[in-house]
Amino acid sequence: MATIVITGANRGIGFELAKHYKGRGDDVIAAVRRTSDDLNALGVEVHEDVDVTDDAKVLHFKRALGDRTVDVLLNNAGLLTSEDMLDMDYDRIRTLFEVNTLGPLRMTHKLSQLFVRGSKVGILSSRVGSMTHNEGGGNYGYRISKAGVNMAGKNLSIDLAPRGIGVYLLHPGYVATEMVNFAGPVPPDVSAKGLIERMDNLTIEQTGTFWHAEGHELSW
């Protein structure tokens, strides 16, 4: 039985990740700002008031875990807004950067003392953060924040590799969640299964790489 920490597990992809890991017998720890009835019903360990943008709250969460080993950390918590040349809201972009880029970096850094050789870190990024795949423009804040977290994850992979800890950037697909008004074609449970398969199968030799939930590697 592995110990799995998932941020943003109260709904959407995060909830499905928690559900699938719990269903196969893993010890699931959900780190959320606010819980949900669905999450509470899973019977996982829930820690509320965990804001990935707040150093003190993330450190409080880390201390609450005591000396437990974290086998898998899934940085799932994220935020989406949409900026374009007609609506360039820099305050929104800063918020996206705090949540989507610095949030996973902060959580991984604070929990790194609880990792052991063989632990894995997954960071839910997005293909829209890829320079290669950007053919549509727009979505300034989301694209920038996801490109930033790709670099953060790559850096973490280098610094954690000597300890045998793998770090992987993961694209979940265009998933039908509240974040996109349920417009995506991919059901959350399908995405979660793919992400878990990636985390199960990726090795330390593949640390610092960028993967689609469907199983193919993505370019930066």
C-alpha atoms as a PDB file:
ATOM      1  CA  MET A   1       0.000   0.000   0.000  1.00  0.00           C
ATOM      2  CA  ALA A   2       1.433   3.347  -1.070  1.00  0.00           C
ATOM      3  CA  THR A   3       0.805   6.744   0.506  1.00  0.00           C
ATOM      4  CA  ILE A   4      -0.577   9.150  -2.099  1.00  0.00           C
ATOM      5  CA  VAL A   5      -0.933  12.919  -1.554  1.00  0.00           C
ATOM      6  CA  ILE A   6      -3.254  14.719  -3.979  1.00  0.00           C
ATOM      7  CA  THR A   7      -3.859  18.464  -4.037  1.00  0.00           C
ATOM      8  CA  GLY A   8      -7.189  19.830  -5.230  1.00  0.00           C
ATOM      9  CA  ALA A   9      -8.894  16.470  -4.668  1.00  0.00           C
ATOM     10  CA  ASN A  10     -12.344  17.791  -3.810  1.00  0.00           C
ATOM     11  CA  ARG A  11     -13.645  17.699  -7.390  1.00  0.00           C
ATOM     12  CA  GLY A  12     -12.865  16.946 -11.024  1.00  0.00           C
ATOM     13  CA  ILE A  13      -9.688  15.106 -11.923  1.00  0.00           C
ATOM     14  CA  GLY A  14      -8.350  15.325  -8.370  1.00  0.00           C
ATOM     15  CA  PHE A  15     -11.431  13.631  -6.965  1.00  0.00           C
ATOM     16  CA  GLU A  16     -11.226  10.854  -9.547  1.00  0.00           C
ATOM     17  CA  LEU A  17      -7.544  10.347  -8.756  1.00  0.00           C
ATOM     18  CA  ALA A  18      -8.400   9.999  -5.069  1.00  0.00           C
ATOM     19  CA  LYS A  19     -11.258   7.630  -5.873  1.00  0.00           C
ATOM     20  CA  HIS A  20      -9.151   5.325  -8.049  1.00  0.00           C
ATOM     21  CA  TYR A  21      -6.189   5.220  -5.685  1.00  0.00           C
ATOM     22  CA  LYS A  22      -8.494   4.546  -2.732  1.00  0.00           C
ATOM     23  CA  GLY A  23     -10.297   1.853  -4.701  1.00  0.00           C
ATOM     24  CA  ARG A  24      -7.127  -0.105  -5.266  1.00  0.00           C
ATOM     25  CA  GLY A  25      -6.162   0.060  -1.595  1.00  0.00           C
ATOM     26  CA  ASP A  26      -3.699   2.921  -1.375  1.00  0.00           C
ATOM     27  CA  ASP A  27      -3.534   5.330   1.555  1.00  0.00           C
ATOM     28  CA  VAL A  28      -4.893   8.576   0.086  1.00  0.00           C
ATOM     29  CA  ILE A  29      -4.299  11.991   1.644  1.00  0.00           C
ATOM     30  CA  ALA A  30      -6.345  14.804   0.095  1.00  0.00           C
ATOM     31  CA  ALA A  31      -4.975  18.333   0.505  1.00  0.00           C
ATOM     32  CA  VAL A  32      -7.738  20.832  -0.290  1.00  0.00           C
ATOM     33  CA  ARG A  33      -8.834  24.360   0.498  1.00  0.00           C
ATOM     34  CA  ARG A  34     -12.359  23.110   1.116  1.00  0.00           C
ATOM     35  CA  THR A  35     -13.643  19.567   1.144  1.00  0.00           C
ATOM     36  CA  SER A  36     -16.767  18.277  -0.606  1.00  0.00           C
ATOM     37  CA  ASP A  37     -19.458  15.767   0.258  1.00  0.00           C
ATOM     38  CA  ASP A  38     -18.179  13.454  -2.464  1.00  0.00           C
ATOM     39  CA  LEU A  39     -14.633  13.575  -1.116  1.00  0.00           C
ATOM     40  CA  ASN A  40     -15.769  13.003   2.459  1.00  0.00           C
ATOM     41  CA  ALA A  41     -17.748   9.963   1.310  1.00  0.00           C
ATOM     42  CA  LEU A  42     -14.610   8.315  -0.119  1.00  0.00           C
ATOM     43  CA  GLY A  43     -13.193   7.675   3.328  1.00  0.00           C
ATOM     44  CA  VAL A  44      -9.793   9.170   2.538  1.00  0.00           C
ATOM     45  CA  GLU A  45      -7.766  11.371   4.879  1.00  0.00           C
ATOM     46  CA  VAL A  46      -8.770  14.975   4.207  1.00  0.00           C
ATOM     47  CA  HIS A  47      -6.789  18.075   5.193  1.00  0.00           C
ATOM     48  CA  GLU A  48      -8.668  21.339   4.652  1.00  0.00           C
ATOM     49  CA  ASP A  49      -7.352  24.908   4.386  1.00  0.00           C
ATOM     50  CA  VAL A  50      -4.344  23.800   2.348  1.00  0.00           C
ATOM     51  CA  ASP A  51      -3.743  26.736   0.019  1.00  0.00           C
ATOM     52  CA  VAL A  52      -0.863  26.004  -2.365  1.00  0.00           C
ATOM     53  CA  THR A  53      -0.169  29.750  -2.691  1.00  0.00           C
ATOM     54  CA  ASP A  54       0.466  30.156   1.042  1.00  0.00           C
ATOM     55  CA  ASP A  55       3.832  29.113   2.531  1.00  0.00           C
ATOM     56  CA  ALA A  56       2.513  28.891   6.090  1.00  0.00           C
ATOM     57  CA  LYS A  57      -0.486  26.732   5.174  1.00  0.00           C
ATOM     58  CA  VAL A  58       1.572  24.321   3.084  1.00  0.00           C
ATOM     59  CA  LEU A  59       4.129  24.043   5.884  1.00  0.00           C
ATOM     60  CA  HIS A  60       1.305  23.417   8.386  1.00  0.00           C
ATOM     61  CA  PHE A  61       0.076  20.587   6.168  1.00  0.00           C
ATOM     62  CA  LYS A  62       3.557  19.124   5.947  1.00  0.00           C
ATOM     63  CA  ARG A  63       3.880  19.166   9.729  1.00  0.00           C
ATOM     64  CA  ALA A  64       0.465  17.497  10.072  1.00  0.00           C
ATOM     65  CA  LEU A  65       1.813  14.539   8.096  1.00  0.00           C
ATOM     66  CA  GLY A  66       4.470  13.981  10.740  1.00  0.00           C
ATOM     67  CA  ASP A  67       7.222  11.616   9.694  1.00  0.00           C
ATOM     68  CA  ARG A  68       5.126   9.628   7.234  1.00  0.00           C
ATOM     69  CA  THR A  69       6.659   8.721   3.903  1.00  0.00           C
ATOM     70  CA  VAL A  70       5.025  10.154   0.779  1.00  0.00           C
ATOM     71  CA  ASP A  71       5.304   7.676  -2.078  1.00  0.00           C
ATOM     72  CA  VAL A  72       3.419   9.737  -4.668  1.00  0.00           C
ATOM     73  CA  LEU A  73       2.648  13.450  -4.696  1.00  0.00           C
ATOM     74  CA  LEU A  74       0.198  14.568  -7.364  1.00  0.00           C
ATOM     75  CA  ASN A  75       0.127  18.344  -7.774  1.00  0.00           C
ATOM     76  CA  ASN A  76      -3.350  18.627  -9.247  1.00  0.00           C
ATOM     77  CA  ALA A  77      -4.684  21.918  -7.843  1.00  0.00           C
ATOM     78  CA  GLY A  78      -5.002  24.478 -10.606  1.00  0.00           C
ATOM     79  CA  LEU A  79      -6.839  27.510 -11.918  1.00  0.00           C
ATOM     80  CA  LEU A  80      -7.967  28.573 -15.393  1.00  0.00           C
ATOM     81  CA  THR A  81      -8.832  32.026 -16.673  1.00  0.00           C
ATOM     82  CA  SER A  82      -8.663  33.321 -20.227  1.00  0.00           C
ATOM     83  CA  GLU A  83      -6.789  36.432 -21.345  1.00  0.00           C
ATOM     84  CA  ASP A  84      -6.330  37.754 -24.859  1.00  0.00           C
ATOM     85  CA  MET A  85      -5.250  40.968 -26.572  1.00  0.00           C
ATOM     86  CA  LEU A  86      -8.611  42.567 -25.765  1.00  0.00           C
ATOM     87  CA  ASP A  87      -8.698  41.475 -22.119  1.00  0.00           C
ATOM     88  CA  MET A  88      -5.201  41.359 -20.654  1.00  0.00           C
ATOM     89  CA  ASP A  89      -5.866  41.243 -16.912  1.00  0.00           C
ATOM     90  CA  TYR A  90      -2.453  41.163 -15.235  1.00  0.00           C
ATOM     91  CA  ASP A  91      -3.854  40.559 -11.764  1.00  0.00           C
ATOM     92  CA  ARG A  92      -5.528  37.392 -13.042  1.00  0.00           C
ATOM     93  CA  ILE A  93      -2.285  36.316 -14.699  1.00  0.00           C
ATOM     94  CA  ARG A  94      -0.383  36.810 -11.430  1.00  0.00           C
ATOM     95  CA  THR A  95      -2.947  34.674  -9.635  1.00  0.00           C
ATOM     96  CA  LEU A  96      -2.571  31.918 -12.227  1.00  0.00           C
ATOM     97  CA  PHE A  97       1.183  32.029 -11.785  1.00  0.00           C
ATOM     98  CA  GLU A  98       0.835  31.721  -8.001  1.00  0.00           C
ATOM     99  CA  VAL A  99      -1.510  28.727  -8.254  1.00  0.00           C
ATOM    100  CA  ASN A 100      -0.330  26.854 -11.342  1.00  0.00           C
ATOM    101  CA  THR A 101       3.419  27.509 -11.276  1.00  0.00           C
ATOM    102  CA  LEU A 102       4.526  28.322  -7.744  1.00  0.00           C
ATOM    103  CA  GLY A 103       1.892  26.088  -6.114  1.00  0.00           C
ATOM    104  CA  PRO A 104       3.349  22.766  -7.326  1.00  0.00           C
ATOM    105  CA  LEU A 105       6.877  24.029  -6.707  1.00  0.00           C
ATOM    106  CA  ARG A 106       5.984  25.073  -3.157  1.00  0.00           C
ATOM    107  CA  MET A 107       4.183  21.818  -2.324  1.00  0.00           C
ATOM    108  CA  THR A 108       6.955  19.638  -3.755  1.00  0.00           C
ATOM    109  CA  HIS A 109       9.662  21.625  -1.992  1.00  0.00           C
ATOM    110  CA  LYS A 110       7.912  21.543   1.389  1.00  0.00           C
ATOM    111  CA  LEU A 111       7.124  17.814   1.217  1.00  0.00           C
ATOM    112  CA  SER A 112      10.494  16.794  -0.229  1.00  0.00           C
ATOM    113  CA  GLN A 113      11.753  15.797   3.217  1.00  0.00           C
ATOM    114  CA  LEU A 114       9.053  13.102   3.303  1.00  0.00           C
ATOM    115  CA  PHE A 115      10.145  11.513   0.015  1.00  0.00           C
ATOM    116  CA  VAL A 116      12.283   8.382  -0.092  1.00  0.00           C
ATOM    117  CA  ARG A 117      14.133   6.623  -2.895  1.00  0.00           C
ATOM    118  CA  GLY A 118      11.465   5.519  -5.345  1.00  0.00           C
ATOM    119  CA  SER A 119       8.994   8.290  -4.485  1.00  0.00           C
ATOM    120  CA  LYS A 120       7.378  10.053  -7.460  1.00  0.00           C
ATOM    121  CA  VAL A 121       6.063  13.550  -8.076  1.00  0.00           C
ATOM    122  CA  GLY A 122       3.439  14.221 -10.723  1.00  0.00           C
ATOM    123  CA  ILE A 123       2.665  17.786 -11.796  1.00  0.00           C
ATOM    124  CA  LEU A 124      -0.501  18.321 -13.792  1.00  0.00           C
ATOM    125  CA  SER A 125       0.606  20.679 -16.505  1.00  0.00           C
ATOM    126  CA  SER A 126      -1.062  21.124 -19.884  1.00  0.00           C
ATOM    127  CA  ARG A 127      -0.176  20.798 -23.523  1.00  0.00           C
ATOM    128  CA  VAL A 128      -1.168  24.474 -23.889  1.00  0.00           C
ATOM    129  CA  GLY A 129       2.061  25.247 -22.028  1.00  0.00           C
ATOM    130  CA  SER A 130       4.103  23.673 -24.819  1.00  0.00           C
ATOM    131  CA  MET A 131       5.919  26.019 -27.179  1.00  0.00           C
ATOM    132  CA  THR A 132       5.663  23.420 -29.942  1.00  0.00           C
ATOM    133  CA  HIS A 133       1.922  22.906 -29.639  1.00  0.00           C
ATOM    134  CA  ASN A 134       0.949  26.587 -29.407  1.00  0.00           C
ATOM    135  CA  GLU A 135      -0.797  27.284 -32.684  1.00  0.00           C
ATOM    136  CA  GLY A 136      -3.750  29.300 -31.395  1.00  0.00           C
ATOM    137  CA  GLY A 137      -2.353  32.071 -29.192  1.00  0.00           C
ATOM    138  CA  GLY A 138      -4.580  33.567 -26.497  1.00  0.00           C
ATOM    139  CA  ASN A 139      -4.977  32.089 -23.015  1.00  0.00           C
ATOM    140  CA  TYR A 140      -1.979  34.123 -21.908  1.00  0.00           C
ATOM    141  CA  GLY A 141      -2.075  33.451 -18.193  1.00  0.00           C
ATOM    142  CA  TYR A 142      -2.798  29.755 -18.445  1.00  0.00           C
ATOM    143  CA  ARG A 143      -0.200  29.163 -21.145  1.00  0.00           C
ATOM    144  CA  ILE A 144       2.472  31.141 -19.303  1.00  0.00           C
ATOM    145  CA  SER A 145       1.754  29.489 -15.956  1.00  0.00           C
ATOM    146  CA  LYS A 146       1.880  25.990 -17.437  1.00  0.00           C
ATOM    147  CA  ALA A 147       5.069  26.703 -19.379  1.00  0.00           C
ATOM    148  CA  GLY A 148       6.517  27.953 -16.093  1.00  0.00           C
ATOM    149  CA  VAL A 149       5.557  24.845 -14.164  1.00  0.00           C
ATOM    150  CA  ASN A 150       7.133  22.706 -16.872  1.00  0.00           C
ATOM    151  CA  MET A 151      10.450  24.402 -16.123  1.00  0.00           C
ATOM    152  CA  ALA A 152       9.893  24.105 -12.380  1.00  0.00           C
ATOM    153  CA  GLY A 153       9.256  20.385 -12.784  1.00  0.00           C
ATOM    154  CA  LYS A 154      12.309  19.918 -14.979  1.00  0.00           C
ATOM    155  CA  ASN A 155      14.466  21.684 -12.402  1.00  0.00           C
ATOM    156  CA  LEU A 156      13.005  19.597  -9.579  1.00  0.00           C
ATOM    157  CA  SER A 157      13.697  16.429 -11.552  1.00  0.00           C
ATOM    158  CA  ILE A 158      17.392  17.313 -11.733  1.00  0.00           C
ATOM    159  CA  ASP A 159      17.698  18.270  -8.076  1.00  0.00           C
ATOM    160  CA  LEU A 160      15.772  15.232  -6.773  1.00  0.00           C
ATOM    161  CA  ALA A 161      17.332  12.645  -9.098  1.00  0.00           C
ATOM    162  CA  PRO A 162      20.327  11.929  -6.818  1.00  0.00           C
ATOM    163  CA  ARG A 163      17.822  10.766  -4.185  1.00  0.00           C
ATOM    164  CA  GLY A 164      16.097   8.448  -6.662  1.00  0.00           C
ATOM    165  CA  ILE A 165      12.935  10.571  -6.809  1.00  0.00           C
ATOM    166  CA  GLY A 166      11.196  10.965 -10.172  1.00  0.00           C
ATOM    167  CA  VAL A 167       9.330  14.085 -11.306  1.00  0.00           C
ATOM    168  CA  TYR A 168       6.933  13.975 -14.249  1.00  0.00           C
ATOM    169  CA  LEU A 169       4.936  16.657 -16.082  1.00  0.00           C
ATOM    170  CA  LEU A 170       1.500  15.359 -17.045  1.00  0.00           C
ATOM    171  CA  HIS A 171      -1.147  16.562 -19.499  1.00  0.00           C
ATOM    172  CA  PRO A 172      -4.559  15.176 -18.471  1.00  0.00           C
ATOM    173  CA  GLY A 173      -6.280  15.854 -21.792  1.00  0.00           C
ATOM    174  CA  TYR A 174      -9.210  18.177 -22.411  1.00  0.00           C
ATOM    175  CA  VAL A 175     -11.295  16.900 -19.534  1.00  0.00           C
ATOM    176  CA  ALA A 176     -14.981  17.561 -18.832  1.00  0.00           C
ATOM    177  CA  THR A 177     -14.605  19.371 -15.512  1.00  0.00           C
ATOM    178  CA  GLU A 178     -16.130  22.459 -13.945  1.00  0.00           C
ATOM    179  CA  MET A 179     -12.960  24.367 -14.877  1.00  0.00           C
ATOM    180  CA  VAL A 180     -13.973  24.247 -18.556  1.00  0.00           C
ATOM    181  CA  ASN A 181     -17.742  24.252 -17.975  1.00  0.00           C
ATOM    182  CA  PHE A 182     -17.737  20.493 -18.647  1.00  0.00           C
ATOM    183  CA  ALA A 183     -16.952  21.139 -22.322  1.00  0.00           C
ATOM    184  CA  GLY A 184     -14.067  18.679 -22.645  1.00  0.00           C
ATOM    185  CA  PRO A 185     -14.584  15.364 -24.449  1.00  0.00           C
ATOM    186  CA  VAL A 186     -12.601  13.278 -21.933  1.00  0.00           C
ATOM    187  CA  PRO A 187     -14.446  12.018 -18.815  1.00  0.00           C
ATOM    188  CA  PRO A 188     -12.552  12.761 -15.569  1.00  0.00           C
ATOM    189  CA  ASP A 189     -12.365   9.095 -14.589  1.00  0.00           C
ATOM    190  CA  VAL A 190     -10.764   8.186 -17.930  1.00  0.00           C
ATOM    191  CA  SER A 191      -8.168  10.917 -17.512  1.00  0.00           C
ATOM    192  CA  ALA A 192      -7.463   9.847 -13.918  1.00  0.00           C
ATOM    193  CA  LYS A 193      -6.900   6.228 -14.959  1.00  0.00           C
ATOM    194  CA  GLY A 194      -4.437   7.347 -17.610  1.00  0.00           C
ATOM    195  CA  LEU A 195      -2.573   9.604 -15.212  1.00  0.00           C
ATOM    196  CA  ILE A 196      -2.292   6.835 -12.627  1.00  0.00           C
ATOM    197  CA  GLU A 197      -0.991   4.459 -15.284  1.00  0.00           C
ATOM    198  CA  ARG A 198       1.661   7.004 -16.222  1.00  0.00           C
ATOM    199  CA  MET A 199       2.700   7.424 -12.592  1.00  0.00           C
ATOM    200  CA  ASP A 200       2.841   3.663 -12.095  1.00  0.00           C
ATOM    201  CA  ASN A 201       4.931   2.988 -15.177  1.00  0.00           C
ATOM    202  CA  LEU A 202       7.301   5.940 -15.520  1.00  0.00           C
ATOM    203  CA  THR A 203      10.768   5.197 -14.184  1.00  0.00           C
ATOM    204  CA  ILE A 204      13.564   7.278 -12.704  1.00  0.00           C
ATOM    205  CA  GLU A 205      15.275   7.114 -16.109  1.00  0.00           C
ATOM    206  CA  GLN A 206      12.336   9.104 -17.490  1.00  0.00           C
ATOM    207  CA  THR A 207      12.350  11.776 -14.805  1.00  0.00           C
ATOM    208  CA  GLY A 208      11.876  15.323 -16.065  1.00  0.00           C
ATOM    209  CA  THR A 209       9.755  14.336 -19.076  1.00  0.00           C
ATOM    210  CA  PHE A 210       6.342  15.545 -20.262  1.00  0.00           C
ATOM    211  CA  TRP A 211       3.551  13.028 -20.885  1.00  0.00           C
ATOM    212  CA  HIS A 212      -0.007  12.884 -22.168  1.00  0.00           C
ATOM    213  CA  ALA A 213      -2.377  10.846 -19.978  1.00  0.00           C
ATOM    214  CA  GLU A 214      -2.973   8.666 -23.039  1.00  0.00           C
ATOM    215  CA  GLY A 215       0.609   7.457 -22.898  1.00  0.00           C
ATOM    216  CA  HIS A 216       2.699   9.395 -25.415  1.00  0.00           C
ATOM    217  CA  GLU A 217       5.491  11.841 -24.636  1.00  0.00           C
ATOM    218  CA  LEU A 218       4.938  15.509 -25.418  1.00  0.00           C
ATOM    219  CA  SER A 219       7.422  18.084 -26.695  1.00  0.00           C
ATOM    220  CA  TRP A 220       8.190  21.235 -24.755  1.00  0.00           C
END
